[in-house]
């Protein structure tokens, strides 16, 4: 993987590595759910490499969405979903900066990608670095067909990232906020 230098804004040399890893997933998986989870791990690792600068990969010179767009159809959704951390990091951990990139994802995978990235942003809400009012504003800047997905992603993210045994409390509190009923 040492040849995977992101010099052109793309993932130079990483496609053969991904293809080999996906072949292993196909051989080791029983059914589409296992294959999806295995592929998710591949793309999640690549996102981590981008964030950490491993293998000479860099978010500054690489477009995570371009990588996902050229994956086989069966692997686009796990790619878009699991490259969310690289996309979020490239947007300075700011959902409002990441959302325009999500909107440009092909329609068939846009909602899944949005769900993932908004869910990730809920780690900032839980840490007190993001407010419900800002979340509501960010969701409302999206095209109308994506606004409910944004809210669903927030609730899912709060449940996924919330404290064990009480993770639902933040999701319920989010839904009770008056900011959602005004518009």
Foldseek 3Di string as FASTA:
>chain_A
DLQQALPQQARPPCVVVLVVQLVVQVVPDDDLVSSLVSLLVVLLVVLVCQVVCNSNHHLVRYDQLVVLVPDPPSNSQSSLLNNLSSLCVSQVVDLLSSVVVLVPRPPVRSLSSLLNNLLVSLVCVVVVNDDLLNLLVSLVVDPPVNSVSSLNSNLVSQLVPPDPPCSNVVSVVSVPDPSVVPD
